Amino acid sequence: MPCIFNDLQAYIVGPHGSVGRSHLRTVSGVHNLGARKLATLKGRIGDVRISPDGQKIRATVYDLKTGFSEFWELNRDGSQPHPLLPNWNDSPHECCGRWTPDGKYFLFTSLREGRNSIWALPERRSWIQQKAKPVQLTNGPLDFWMPVPSKDGKRIFAMGGQSRSEVLRYDGRSFVPYIDGASVTDLAFSADGQRVAYISVPEGALWTSKIDGRERIELSDPSVMEAALPRWSPDGKQIAFMARTQNRGWRSHLAVVNGHGWRELIPGATAGFDPGWSPDGKSIVLAAKRPGGHEQQNQHSRLANSSTRPRSGRRKPVFAALVSRWTLHRGDHHGFSSADGI
């Protein structure tokens, strides 16, 4: 939907899913006449907002290659486009901006240190502080996003929540808690049925334990990455999983079950989703996406001796991928990759 202020309507124009450059257009008049391009910004444009006085336009620009999102501001006529908060967040994940009705504050959501919080940017600057700085309004324990000010500007409404998950086991008569009622998801059992891998909620850490919950081992560091979808190797010695960090999107990783470390499955890959093992344990297949291109990317890699990132700071030898890659130009946005072992 366009954002409307009297005779000004801001529209987003461009190919769906494109990473390249998106166009911001305005339409003057109630009959949608006189359309013209306001600006061209690199990335996908969303959440277009017009200030209460109609003089400024702000939009969220999404960089699908890095996963970052930041605000850009421009004048009503499209002049002087610039980042709203340059260098404010080293790993910008800002979105969902809205002005208060009086135009004194710009409310938005920012992801920092794994938590979404509501912030307010004052529009007026004091003679002491020439450049206004955002003020944090929420600080957990819930995540908050999509702030909306009340019509009188005295209250702020926002969505808040914290993910929880409970696994139940059916014993033939009823459902009973599993793994001591821990908040976990994405369960995967080893081929011999002796161990289970899972993701803790809301931390997003990869764990493994015996099926009765004993001998728990944490395989990933939730302060570094959020893990998902673990998959056991047929021999039960490694686990493939996907993970993302604050700086990067979902990519496939490999962890050794004894807890000595993990590594990225295909270093330098743009993305890697839902990795799975071949029956002989010599290959891993995963879905790869190249954001913004009408391309299907196939990646083939042979496993060789290398090292993972150790939990203790030391390096342990495991497998790494020596990548050779090629790209097939097609209309699909998704592709498949495989990592073949010796």
C-alpha atoms as a PDB file:
ATOM      1  CA  MET A   1       0.000   0.000   0.000  1.00  0.00           C
ATOM      2  CA  PRO A   2       1.257   3.525  -0.736  1.00  0.00           C
ATOM      3  CA  CYS A   3       1.902   6.065   1.977  1.00  0.00           C
ATOM      4  CA  ILE A   4      -0.367   9.103   1.398  1.00  0.00           C
ATOM      5  CA  PHE A   5      -0.177  12.749   2.462  1.00  0.00           C
ATOM      6  CA  ASN A   6      -2.778  15.000   0.842  1.00  0.00           C
ATOM      7  CA  ASP A   7      -1.826  15.067  -2.844  1.00  0.00           C
ATOM      8  CA  LEU A   8       1.391  13.081  -2.379  1.00  0.00           C
ATOM      9  CA  GLN A   9       1.509   9.316  -2.624  1.00  0.00           C
ATOM     10  CA  ALA A  10       4.769   7.377  -2.375  1.00  0.00           C
ATOM     11  CA  TYR A  11       4.952   4.136  -4.315  1.00  0.00           C
ATOM     12  CA  ILE A  12       7.640   1.457  -4.507  1.00  0.00           C
ATOM     13  CA  VAL A  13       8.439   0.359  -8.048  1.00  0.00           C
ATOM     14  CA  GLY A  14      10.787  -2.392  -9.152  1.00  0.00           C
ATOM     15  CA  PRO A  15      11.114  -6.140  -9.827  1.00  0.00           C
ATOM     16  CA  HIS A  16      10.007  -8.257  -6.882  1.00  0.00           C
ATOM     17  CA  GLY A  17      12.997  -9.571  -4.983  1.00  0.00           C
ATOM     18  CA  SER A  18      15.577  -7.557  -6.877  1.00  0.00           C
ATOM     19  CA  VAL A  19      18.735  -6.552  -5.092  1.00  0.00           C
ATOM     20  CA  GLY A  20      19.818  -3.993  -7.644  1.00  0.00           C
ATOM     21  CA  ARG A  21      18.160  -0.603  -7.536  1.00  0.00           C
ATOM     22  CA  SER A  22      14.562   0.097  -6.562  1.00  0.00           C
ATOM     23  CA  HIS A  23      12.697   3.210  -7.594  1.00  0.00           C
ATOM     24  CA  LEU A  24      10.594   5.456  -5.382  1.00  0.00           C
ATOM     25  CA  ARG A  25       7.840   7.234  -7.290  1.00  0.00           C
ATOM     26  CA  THR A  26       5.188   9.777  -6.373  1.00  0.00           C
ATOM     27  CA  VAL A  27       1.750  10.312  -7.869  1.00  0.00           C
ATOM     28  CA  SER A  28       0.239  13.794  -7.668  1.00  0.00           C
ATOM     29  CA  GLY A  29      -3.485  14.463  -7.655  1.00  0.00           C
ATOM     30  CA  VAL A  30      -6.460  12.389  -6.621  1.00  0.00           C
ATOM     31  CA  HIS A  31      -6.739  10.866 -10.088  1.00  0.00           C
ATOM     32  CA  ASN A  32      -3.198   9.426  -9.938  1.00  0.00           C
ATOM     33  CA  LEU A  33      -1.910  11.731 -12.687  1.00  0.00           C
ATOM     34  CA  GLY A  34       1.591  13.066 -13.134  1.00  0.00           C
ATOM     35  CA  ALA A  35       3.633  10.092 -11.893  1.00  0.00           C
ATOM     36  CA  ARG A  36       7.362  10.745 -11.645  1.00  0.00           C
ATOM     37  CA  LYS A  37      10.368   9.033 -10.161  1.00  0.00           C
ATOM     38  CA  LEU A  38      11.615  10.516  -6.921  1.00  0.00           C
ATOM     39  CA  ALA A  39      14.785   8.551  -6.290  1.00  0.00           C
ATOM     40  CA  THR A  40      16.707   5.392  -7.101  1.00  0.00           C
ATOM     41  CA  LEU A  41      18.187   3.598  -4.100  1.00  0.00           C
ATOM     42  CA  LYS A  42      20.381   0.525  -4.052  1.00  0.00           C
ATOM     43  CA  GLY A  43      18.429  -2.287  -2.417  1.00  0.00           C
ATOM     44  CA  ARG A  44      14.807  -3.196  -1.827  1.00  0.00           C
ATOM     45  CA  ILE A  45      12.661  -0.312  -0.596  1.00  0.00           C
ATOM     46  CA  GLY A  46       9.948  -0.791   2.021  1.00  0.00           C
ATOM     47  CA  ASP A  47       8.089   0.925   4.878  1.00  0.00           C
ATOM     48  CA  VAL A  48       7.809   4.264   3.076  1.00  0.00           C
ATOM     49  CA  ARG A  49       6.717   7.060   5.422  1.00  0.00           C
ATOM     50  CA  ILE A  50       5.996  10.757   4.851  1.00  0.00           C
ATOM     51  CA  SER A  51       6.511  13.243   7.668  1.00  0.00           C
ATOM     52  CA  PRO A  52       3.402  14.890   9.178  1.00  0.00           C
ATOM     53  CA  ASP A  53       4.332  18.212   7.547  1.00  0.00           C
ATOM     54  CA  GLY A  54       4.772  16.478   4.191  1.00  0.00           C
ATOM     55  CA  GLN A  55       8.322  17.742   3.668  1.00  0.00           C
ATOM     56  CA  LYS A  56      10.361  14.561   4.197  1.00  0.00           C
ATOM     57  CA  ILE A  57      10.156  10.963   3.064  1.00  0.00           C
ATOM     58  CA  ARG A  58      11.827   8.084   4.867  1.00  0.00           C
ATOM     59  CA  ALA A  59      12.024   4.463   3.775  1.00  0.00           C
ATOM     60  CA  THR A  60      13.693   1.247   4.864  1.00  0.00           C
ATOM     61  CA  VAL A  61      16.249  -0.001   2.340  1.00  0.00           C
ATOM     62  CA  TYR A  62      17.029  -3.722   2.535  1.00  0.00           C
ATOM     63  CA  ASP A  63      20.370  -5.061   1.321  1.00  0.00           C
ATOM     64  CA  LEU A  64      19.572  -8.701   0.535  1.00  0.00           C
ATOM     65  CA  LYS A  65      23.229  -9.595   0.038  1.00  0.00           C
ATOM     66  CA  THR A  66      24.246  -8.690   3.585  1.00  0.00           C
ATOM     67  CA  GLY A  67      20.876  -8.919   5.324  1.00  0.00           C
ATOM     68  CA  PHE A  68      21.237  -5.334   6.573  1.00  0.00           C
ATOM     69  CA  SER A  69      18.413  -2.790   6.578  1.00  0.00           C
ATOM     70  CA  GLU A  70      18.665   0.922   7.227  1.00  0.00           C
ATOM     71  CA  PHE A  71      16.644   4.109   6.861  1.00  0.00           C
ATOM     72  CA  TRP A  72      17.114   6.562   4.011  1.00  0.00           C
ATOM     73  CA  GLU A  73      15.711  10.074   3.985  1.00  0.00           C
ATOM     74  CA  LEU A  74      14.974  12.424   1.114  1.00  0.00           C
ATOM     75  CA  ASN A  75      13.082  15.644   0.576  1.00  0.00           C
ATOM     76  CA  ARG A  76       9.551  15.771  -0.762  1.00  0.00           C
ATOM     77  CA  ASP A  77      10.845  16.496  -4.274  1.00  0.00           C
ATOM     78  CA  GLY A  78      13.302  13.572  -4.116  1.00  0.00           C
ATOM     79  CA  SER A  79      16.394  15.695  -3.573  1.00  0.00           C
ATOM     80  CA  GLN A  80      19.226  14.974  -1.133  1.00  0.00           C
ATOM     81  CA  PRO A  81      18.727  11.217  -0.540  1.00  0.00           C
ATOM     82  CA  HIS A  82      20.977  10.074   2.302  1.00  0.00           C
ATOM     83  CA  PRO A  83      21.197   7.491   5.115  1.00  0.00           C
ATOM     84  CA  LEU A  84      19.271   8.663   8.167  1.00  0.00           C
ATOM     85  CA  LEU A  85      21.583   7.096  10.764  1.00  0.00           C
ATOM     86  CA  PRO A  86      24.999   6.584   9.137  1.00  0.00           C
ATOM     87  CA  ASN A  87      27.458   4.585  11.276  1.00  0.00           C
ATOM     88  CA  TRP A  88      24.961   4.389  14.148  1.00  0.00           C
ATOM     89  CA  ASN A  89      24.790   0.585  14.087  1.00  0.00           C
ATOM     90  CA  ASP A  90      27.751  -1.482  12.876  1.00  0.00           C
ATOM     91  CA  SER A  91      25.312  -4.179  11.732  1.00  0.00           C
ATOM     92  CA  PRO A  92      22.208  -2.165  10.826  1.00  0.00           C
ATOM     93  CA  HIS A  93      18.897  -3.980  11.231  1.00  0.00           C
ATOM     94  CA  GLU A  94      16.441  -1.102  11.450  1.00  0.00           C
ATOM     95  CA  CYS A  95      12.893  -1.108  10.162  1.00  0.00           C
ATOM     96  CA  CYS A  96       9.247  -0.225  10.705  1.00  0.00           C
ATOM     97  CA  GLY A  97       9.689   3.528  11.185  1.00  0.00           C
ATOM     98  CA  ARG A  98       6.779   5.853  11.975  1.00  0.00           C
ATOM     99  CA  TRP A  99       6.525   9.502  12.982  1.00  0.00           C
ATOM    100  CA  THR A 100       4.497  10.560  15.988  1.00  0.00           C
ATOM    101  CA  PRO A 101       1.483  12.694  14.932  1.00  0.00           C
ATOM    102  CA  ASP A 102       3.197  15.935  16.020  1.00  0.00           C
ATOM    103  CA  GLY A 103       6.318  15.050  14.027  1.00  0.00           C
ATOM    104  CA  LYS A 104       8.606  15.412  17.054  1.00  0.00           C
ATOM    105  CA  TYR A 105       9.810  11.786  17.141  1.00  0.00           C
ATOM    106  CA  PHE A 106      10.505   9.032  14.646  1.00  0.00           C
ATOM    107  CA  LEU A 107       9.815   5.599  16.173  1.00  0.00           C
ATOM    108  CA  PHE A 108      11.459   2.450  14.841  1.00  0.00           C
ATOM    109  CA  THR A 109      12.671  -1.065  15.594  1.00  0.00           C
ATOM    110  CA  SER A 110      16.355  -1.974  15.812  1.00  0.00           C
ATOM    111  CA  LEU A 111      17.972  -5.374  16.274  1.00  0.00           C
ATOM    112  CA  ARG A 112      21.003  -5.233  18.554  1.00  0.00           C
ATOM    113  CA  GLU A 113      22.747  -8.054  20.399  1.00  0.00           C
ATOM    114  CA  GLY A 114      20.077 -10.507  19.317  1.00  0.00           C
ATOM    115  CA  ARG A 115      17.130  -8.468  20.630  1.00  0.00           C
ATOM    116  CA  ASN A 116      14.579  -6.263  18.862  1.00  0.00           C
ATOM    117  CA  SER A 117      13.865  -3.028  20.727  1.00  0.00           C
ATOM    118  CA  ILE A 118      11.879   0.142  20.137  1.00  0.00           C
ATOM    119  CA  TRP A 119      13.823   3.377  19.668  1.00  0.00           C
ATOM    120  CA  ALA A 120      12.809   7.020  19.240  1.00  0.00           C
ATOM    121  CA  LEU A 121      14.750   9.565  17.185  1.00  0.00           C
ATOM    122  CA  PRO A 122      14.054  13.180  18.259  1.00  0.00           C
ATOM    123  CA  GLU A 123      13.474  15.471  15.296  1.00  0.00           C
ATOM    124  CA  ARG A 124      14.514  18.660  17.086  1.00  0.00           C
ATOM    125  CA  ARG A 125      18.164  19.175  17.876  1.00  0.00           C
ATOM    126  CA  SER A 126      19.512  21.278  20.690  1.00  0.00           C
ATOM    127  CA  TRP A 127      22.192  23.935  20.241  1.00  0.00           C
ATOM    128  CA  ILE A 128      24.503  21.684  22.302  1.00  0.00           C
ATOM    129  CA  GLN A 129      23.841  18.532  20.305  1.00  0.00           C
ATOM    130  CA  GLN A 130      23.740  19.378  16.616  1.00  0.00           C
ATOM    131  CA  LYS A 131      22.853  15.831  15.594  1.00  0.00           C
ATOM    132  CA  ALA A 132      20.037  14.051  17.397  1.00  0.00           C
ATOM    133  CA  LYS A 133      20.674  10.515  18.611  1.00  0.00           C
ATOM    134  CA  PRO A 134      18.105   7.720  19.008  1.00  0.00           C
ATOM    135  CA  VAL A 135      16.841   6.938  22.499  1.00  0.00           C
ATOM    136  CA  GLN A 136      16.081   3.332  23.471  1.00  0.00           C
ATOM    137  CA  LEU A 137      12.541   2.878  24.818  1.00  0.00           C
ATOM    138  CA  THR A 138      12.441  -0.878  25.513  1.00  0.00           C
ATOM    139  CA  ASN A 139      15.092  -3.273  26.781  1.00  0.00           C
ATOM    140  CA  GLY A 140      13.568  -6.739  27.054  1.00  0.00           C
ATOM    141  CA  PRO A 141      12.931  -9.258  28.306  1.00  0.00           C
ATOM    142  CA  LEU A 142      10.538  -9.441  25.338  1.00  0.00           C
ATOM    143  CA  ASP A 143      11.354  -8.557  21.744  1.00  0.00           C
ATOM    144  CA  PHE A 144       9.408  -5.514  20.548  1.00  0.00           C
ATOM    145  CA  TRP A 145       8.778  -4.426  16.974  1.00  0.00           C
ATOM    146  CA  MET A 146       6.435  -2.424  14.708  1.00  0.00           C
ATOM    147  CA  PRO A 147       5.728   0.586  16.986  1.00  0.00           C
ATOM    148  CA  VAL A 148       2.581   2.604  16.267  1.00  0.00           C
ATOM    149  CA  PRO A 149       1.864   5.886  18.120  1.00  0.00           C
ATOM    150  CA  SER A 150      -1.658   6.674  19.305  1.00  0.00           C
ATOM    151  CA  LYS A 151      -3.555   9.445  17.543  1.00  0.00           C
ATOM    152  CA  ASP A 152      -2.942  11.844  20.420  1.00  0.00           C
ATOM    153  CA  GLY A 153       0.767  10.900  20.485  1.00  0.00           C
ATOM    154  CA  LYS A 154       0.709  10.058  24.189  1.00  0.00           C
ATOM    155  CA  ARG A 155       1.079   6.276  23.895  1.00  0.00           C
ATOM    156  CA  ILE A 156       2.968   3.814  21.757  1.00  0.00           C
ATOM    157  CA  PHE A 157       1.592   0.456  20.727  1.00  0.00           C
ATOM    158  CA  ALA A 158       3.963  -2.313  19.656  1.00  0.00           C
ATOM    159  CA  MET A 159       4.087  -6.033  19.140  1.00  0.00           C
ATOM    160  CA  GLY A 160       6.046  -7.910  21.793  1.00  0.00           C
ATOM    161  CA  GLY A 161       6.859 -11.528  22.351  1.00  0.00           C
ATOM    162  CA  GLN A 162       9.326 -14.214  23.303  1.00  0.00           C
ATOM    163  CA  SER A 163       9.435 -17.549  21.551  1.00  0.00           C
ATOM    164  CA  ARG A 164       8.843 -20.661  23.623  1.00  0.00           C
ATOM    165  CA  SER A 165       8.496 -24.269  22.538  1.00  0.00           C
ATOM    166  CA  GLU A 166       7.562 -27.501  24.287  1.00  0.00           C
ATOM    167  CA  VAL A 167       8.194 -30.977  22.896  1.00  0.00           C
ATOM    168  CA  LEU A 168       5.704 -33.701  23.786  1.00  0.00           C
ATOM    169  CA  ARG A 169       6.054 -37.472  23.419  1.00  0.00           C
ATOM    170  CA  TYR A 170       3.090 -39.785  22.895  1.00  0.00           C
ATOM    171  CA  ASP A 171       3.419 -42.834  25.164  1.00  0.00           C
ATOM    172  CA  GLY A 172       0.498 -44.727  23.649  1.00  0.00           C
ATOM    173  CA  ARG A 173      -2.114 -43.196  25.926  1.00  0.00           C
ATOM    174  CA  SER A 174      -1.340 -39.505  26.267  1.00  0.00           C
ATOM    175  CA  PHE A 175       1.190 -36.807  25.450  1.00  0.00           C
ATOM    176  CA  VAL A 176       3.898 -36.249  28.059  1.00  0.00           C
ATOM    177  CA  PRO A 177       6.765 -33.702  28.208  1.00  0.00           C
ATOM    178  CA  TYR A 178       9.998 -34.726  26.506  1.00  0.00           C
ATOM    179  CA  ILE A 179      13.557 -33.742  27.498  1.00  0.00           C
ATOM    180  CA  ASP A 180      12.337 -32.585  30.913  1.00  0.00           C
ATOM    181  CA  GLY A 181       9.966 -30.067  29.352  1.00  0.00           C
ATOM    182  CA  ALA A 182      12.838 -27.953  27.981  1.00  0.00           C
ATOM    183  CA  SER A 183      12.015 -25.223  25.467  1.00  0.00           C
ATOM    184  CA  VAL A 184      13.505 -26.744  22.305  1.00  0.00           C
ATOM    185  CA  THR A 185      12.634 -27.285  18.644  1.00  0.00           C
ATOM    186  CA  ASP A 186      13.952 -28.901  15.419  1.00  0.00           C
ATOM    187  CA  LEU A 187      14.624 -32.330  16.947  1.00  0.00           C
ATOM    188  CA  ALA A 188      16.766 -34.773  14.939  1.00  0.00           C
ATOM    189  CA  PHE A 189      17.718 -38.292  16.080  1.00  0.00           C
ATOM    190  CA  SER A 190      20.978 -40.081  15.301  1.00  0.00           C
ATOM    191  CA  ALA A 191      20.841 -43.150  13.059  1.00  0.00           C
ATOM    192  CA  ASP A 192      21.402 -45.510  16.013  1.00  0.00           C
ATOM    193  CA  GLY A 193      18.604 -43.834  17.972  1.00  0.00           C
ATOM    194  CA  GLN A 194      20.817 -43.157  20.980  1.00  0.00           C
ATOM    195  CA  ARG A 195      21.178 -39.370  20.760  1.00  0.00           C
ATOM    196  CA  VAL A 196      19.079 -36.400  19.762  1.00  0.00           C
ATOM    197  CA  ALA A 197      20.065 -32.970  18.440  1.00  0.00           C
ATOM    198  CA  TYR A 198      17.868 -29.915  18.957  1.00  0.00           C
ATOM    199  CA  ILE A 199      17.765 -26.129  19.054  1.00  0.00           C
ATOM    200  CA  SER A 200      17.112 -24.295  22.320  1.00  0.00           C
ATOM    201  CA  VAL A 201      14.392 -21.631  22.266  1.00  0.00           C
ATOM    202  CA  PRO A 202      14.700 -18.642  22.373  1.00  0.00           C
ATOM    203  CA  GLU A 203      18.540 -18.761  22.517  1.00  0.00           C
ATOM    204  CA  GLY A 204      18.931 -20.553  19.179  1.00  0.00           C
ATOM    205  CA  ALA A 205      21.811 -22.785  20.340  1.00  0.00           C
ATOM    206  CA  LEU A 206      22.502 -26.237  18.895  1.00  0.00           C
ATOM    207  CA  TRP A 207      22.585 -29.005  21.521  1.00  0.00           C
ATOM    208  CA  THR A 208      22.913 -32.771  21.537  1.00  0.00           C
ATOM    209  CA  SER A 209      22.133 -35.235  24.319  1.00  0.00           C
ATOM    210  CA  LYS A 210      21.079 -38.794  24.962  1.00  0.00           C
ATOM    211  CA  ILE A 211      17.413 -39.349  24.166  1.00  0.00           C
ATOM    212  CA  ASP A 212      16.581 -39.195  27.886  1.00  0.00           C
ATOM    213  CA  GLY A 213      18.186 -35.715  28.158  1.00  0.00           C
ATOM    214  CA  ARG A 214      21.422 -36.795  29.861  1.00  0.00           C
ATOM    215  CA  GLU A 215      24.961 -35.915  28.660  1.00  0.00           C
ATOM    216  CA  ARG A 216      24.020 -32.590  27.088  1.00  0.00           C
ATOM    217  CA  ILE A 217      26.649 -30.930  24.876  1.00  0.00           C
ATOM    218  CA  GLU A 218      26.301 -27.428  23.422  1.00  0.00           C
ATOM    219  CA  LEU A 219      27.659 -27.404  19.860  1.00  0.00           C
ATOM    220  CA  SER A 220      27.170 -23.746  18.891  1.00  0.00           C
ATOM    221  CA  ASP A 221      27.564 -20.402  20.604  1.00  0.00           C
ATOM    222  CA  PRO A 222      24.266 -18.432  20.677  1.00  0.00           C
ATOM    223  CA  SER A 223      26.212 -15.206  21.222  1.00  0.00           C
ATOM    224  CA  VAL A 224      27.762 -15.745  17.778  1.00  0.00           C
ATOM    225  CA  MET A 225      24.991 -17.385  15.742  1.00  0.00           C
ATOM    226  CA  GLU A 226      21.384 -18.576  15.715  1.00  0.00           C
ATOM    227  CA  ALA A 227      21.177 -22.237  14.678  1.00  0.00           C
ATOM    228  CA  ALA A 228      18.360 -24.233  13.079  1.00  0.00           C
ATOM    229  CA  LEU A 229      17.504 -27.568  11.396  1.00  0.00           C
ATOM    230  CA  PRO A 230      20.262 -29.954  12.602  1.00  0.00           C
ATOM    231  CA  ARG A 231      20.884 -33.101  10.529  1.00  0.00           C
ATOM    232  CA  TRP A 232      23.012 -36.048  11.714  1.00  0.00           C
ATOM    233  CA  SER A 233      25.634 -37.679   9.534  1.00  0.00           C
ATOM    234  CA  PRO A 234      24.969 -41.415   9.009  1.00  0.00           C
ATOM    235  CA  ASP A 235      27.944 -42.337  11.222  1.00  0.00           C
ATOM    236  CA  GLY A 236      26.726 -40.028  14.022  1.00  0.00           C
ATOM    237  CA  LYS A 237      29.993 -38.087  14.226  1.00  0.00           C
ATOM    238  CA  GLN A 238      28.939 -34.779  12.645  1.00  0.00           C
ATOM    239  CA  ILE A 239      25.853 -32.590  12.410  1.00  0.00           C
ATOM    240  CA  ALA A 240      25.022 -30.331   9.493  1.00  0.00           C
ATOM    241  CA  PHE A 241      22.855 -27.337  10.346  1.00  0.00           C
ATOM    242  CA  MET A 242      21.976 -23.879   9.125  1.00  0.00           C
ATOM    243  CA  ALA A 243      22.768 -20.729  11.093  1.00  0.00           C
ATOM    244  CA  ARG A 244      22.740 -16.992  10.779  1.00  0.00           C
ATOM    245  CA  THR A 245      24.533 -14.161  12.540  1.00  0.00           C
ATOM    246  CA  GLN A 246      23.662 -10.516  13.029  1.00  0.00           C
ATOM    247  CA  ASN A 247      25.865  -9.713  10.030  1.00  0.00           C
ATOM    248  CA  ARG A 248      24.901 -12.534   7.660  1.00  0.00           C
ATOM    249  CA  GLY A 249      21.858 -14.503   6.581  1.00  0.00           C
ATOM    250  CA  TRP A 250      21.244 -18.261   6.748  1.00  0.00           C
ATOM    251  CA  ARG A 251      24.199 -20.432   5.702  1.00  0.00           C
ATOM    252  CA  SER A 252      24.975 -24.105   6.164  1.00  0.00           C
ATOM    253  CA  HIS A 253      27.494 -25.193   8.800  1.00  0.00           C
ATOM    254  CA  LEU A 254      29.059 -28.406  10.050  1.00  0.00           C
ATOM    255  CA  ALA A 255      29.735 -29.323  13.692  1.00  0.00           C
ATOM    256  CA  VAL A 256      31.535 -32.261  15.251  1.00  0.00           C
ATOM    257  CA  VAL A 257      29.424 -34.049  17.836  1.00  0.00           C
ATOM    258  CA  ASN A 258      32.100 -34.048  20.547  1.00  0.00           C
ATOM    259  CA  GLY A 259      31.663 -30.265  20.829  1.00  0.00           C
ATOM    260  CA  HIS A 260      35.122 -29.255  19.573  1.00  0.00           C
ATOM    261  CA  GLY A 261      33.929 -26.739  16.999  1.00  0.00           C
ATOM    262  CA  TRP A 262      32.012 -25.859  13.867  1.00  0.00           C
ATOM    263  CA  ARG A 263      32.708 -24.384  10.453  1.00  0.00           C
ATOM    264  CA  GLU A 264      30.888 -22.946   7.490  1.00  0.00           C
ATOM    265  CA  LEU A 265      30.097 -25.736   5.044  1.00  0.00           C
ATOM    266  CA  ILE A 266      30.832 -23.773   1.845  1.00  0.00           C
ATOM    267  CA  PRO A 267      32.934 -20.700   2.704  1.00  0.00           C
ATOM    268  CA  GLY A 268      31.879 -17.626   0.769  1.00  0.00           C
ATOM    269  CA  ALA A 269      28.499 -18.997  -0.275  1.00  0.00           C
ATOM    270  CA  THR A 270      25.736 -16.405  -0.477  1.00  0.00           C
ATOM    271  CA  ALA A 271      23.297 -18.656   1.381  1.00  0.00           C
ATOM    272  CA  GLY A 272      22.672 -22.263   2.368  1.00  0.00           C
ATOM    273  CA  PHE A 273      19.364 -23.696   3.535  1.00  0.00           C
ATOM    274  CA  ASP A 274      18.241 -27.044   4.979  1.00  0.00           C
ATOM    275  CA  PRO A 275      21.375 -29.196   4.524  1.00  0.00           C
ATOM    276  CA  GLY A 276      20.900 -32.961   4.322  1.00  0.00           C
ATOM    277  CA  TRP A 277      23.211 -35.996   4.124  1.00  0.00           C
ATOM    278  CA  SER A 278      23.473 -38.655   1.461  1.00  0.00           C
ATOM    279  CA  PRO A 279      22.953 -42.221   2.778  1.00  0.00           C
ATOM    280  CA  ASP A 280      26.675 -42.996   2.536  1.00  0.00           C
ATOM    281  CA  GLY A 281      27.642 -39.828   4.430  1.00  0.00           C
ATOM    282  CA  LYS A 282      29.960 -38.633   1.665  1.00  0.00           C
ATOM    283  CA  SER A 283      27.793 -35.811   0.341  1.00  0.00           C
ATOM    284  CA  ILE A 284      25.634 -33.022   1.686  1.00  0.00           C
ATOM    285  CA  VAL A 285      22.888 -31.443  -0.390  1.00  0.00           C
ATOM    286  CA  LEU A 286      21.505 -28.003   0.433  1.00  0.00           C
ATOM    287  CA  ALA A 287      19.369 -25.294  -1.117  1.00  0.00           C
ATOM    288  CA  ALA A 288      21.243 -22.198  -2.254  1.00  0.00           C
ATOM    289  CA  LYS A 289      19.771 -18.818  -3.042  1.00  0.00           C
ATOM    290  CA  ARG A 290      21.411 -15.949  -4.796  1.00  0.00           C
ATOM    291  CA  PRO A 291      19.383 -12.880  -3.738  1.00  0.00           C
ATOM    292  CA  GLY A 292      18.263 -10.508  -6.432  1.00  0.00           C
ATOM    293  CA  GLY A 293      19.427 -12.469  -9.450  1.00  0.00           C
ATOM    294  CA  HIS A 294      17.291 -14.518 -11.793  1.00  0.00           C
ATOM    295  CA  GLU A 295      19.870 -17.244 -11.528  1.00  0.00           C
ATOM    296  CA  GLN A 296      20.221 -20.744 -10.210  1.00  0.00           C
ATOM    297  CA  GLN A 297      23.568 -21.355  -8.598  1.00  0.00           C
ATOM    298  CA  ASN A 298      24.989 -24.852  -8.307  1.00  0.00           C
ATOM    299  CA  GLN A 299      28.018 -25.371  -6.093  1.00  0.00           C
ATOM    300  CA  HIS A 300      30.086 -28.516  -5.946  1.00  0.00           C
ATOM    301  CA  SER A 301      32.745 -29.094  -3.328  1.00  0.00           C
ATOM    302  CA  ARG A 302      35.064 -31.905  -2.351  1.00  0.00           C
ATOM    303  CA  LEU A 303      35.768 -32.442   1.333  1.00  0.00           C
ATOM    304  CA  ALA A 304      39.392 -32.320   2.450  1.00  0.00           C
ATOM    305  CA  ASN A 305      41.237 -32.128   5.758  1.00  0.00           C
ATOM    306  CA  SER A 306      41.023 -28.681   7.305  1.00  0.00           C
ATOM    307  CA  SER A 307      39.712 -27.190  10.525  1.00  0.00           C
ATOM    308  CA  THR A 308      36.637 -25.819  12.246  1.00  0.00           C
ATOM    309  CA  ARG A 309      36.161 -22.894  14.554  1.00  0.00           C
ATOM    310  CA  PRO A 310      36.769 -24.396  18.019  1.00  0.00           C
ATOM    311  CA  ARG A 311      34.669 -23.541  21.041  1.00  0.00           C
ATOM    312  CA  SER A 312      37.802 -23.329  23.208  1.00  0.00           C
ATOM    313  CA  GLY A 313      39.770 -21.002  20.903  1.00  0.00           C
ATOM    314  CA  ARG A 314      42.052 -23.788  19.589  1.00  0.00           C
ATOM    315  CA  ARG A 315      41.700 -25.402  16.184  1.00  0.00           C
ATOM    316  CA  LYS A 316      40.742 -29.035  15.601  1.00  0.00           C
ATOM    317  CA  PRO A 317      41.107 -30.913  12.288  1.00  0.00           C
ATOM    318  CA  VAL A 318      37.883 -31.848  10.504  1.00  0.00           C
ATOM    319  CA  PHE A 319      36.592 -31.524   6.958  1.00  0.00           C
ATOM    320  CA  ALA A 320      36.460 -28.330   4.905  1.00  0.00           C
ATOM    321  CA  ALA A 321      35.197 -27.575   1.417  1.00  0.00           C
ATOM    322  CA  LEU A 322      37.391 -26.755  -1.568  1.00  0.00           C
ATOM    323  CA  VAL A 323      34.856 -25.039  -3.742  1.00  0.00           C
ATOM    324  CA  SER A 324      34.501 -24.949  -7.480  1.00  0.00           C
ATOM    325  CA  ARG A 325      31.345 -23.241  -8.630  1.00  0.00           C
ATOM    326  CA  TRP A 326      29.401 -22.381 -11.708  1.00  0.00           C
ATOM    327  CA  THR A 327      26.239 -20.426 -12.387  1.00  0.00           C
ATOM    328  CA  LEU A 328      23.342 -21.339 -14.653  1.00  0.00           C
ATOM    329  CA  HIS A 329      21.234 -18.392 -15.780  1.00  0.00           C
ATOM    330  CA  ARG A 330      17.634 -19.358 -15.282  1.00  0.00           C
ATOM    331  CA  GLY A 331      14.380 -17.822 -14.117  1.00  0.00           C
ATOM    332  CA  ASP A 332      14.379 -19.554 -10.742  1.00  0.00           C
ATOM    333  CA  HIS A 333      15.639 -17.779  -7.613  1.00  0.00           C
ATOM    334  CA  HIS A 334      16.697 -20.992  -5.866  1.00  0.00           C
ATOM    335  CA  GLY A 335      19.221 -23.693  -6.584  1.00  0.00           C
ATOM    336  CA  PHE A 336      20.848 -26.725  -5.068  1.00  0.00           C
ATOM    337  CA  SER A 337      24.389 -27.334  -3.902  1.00  0.00           C
ATOM    338  CA  SER A 338      26.247 -30.446  -2.878  1.00  0.00           C
ATOM    339  CA  ALA A 339      29.354 -31.066  -0.824  1.00  0.00           C
ATOM    340  CA  ASP A 340      30.966 -34.396  -1.709  1.00  0.00           C
ATOM    341  CA  GLY A 341      33.250 -36.307   0.610  1.00  0.00           C
ATOM    342  CA  ILE A 342      36.197 -38.560  -0.076  1.00  0.00           C
END
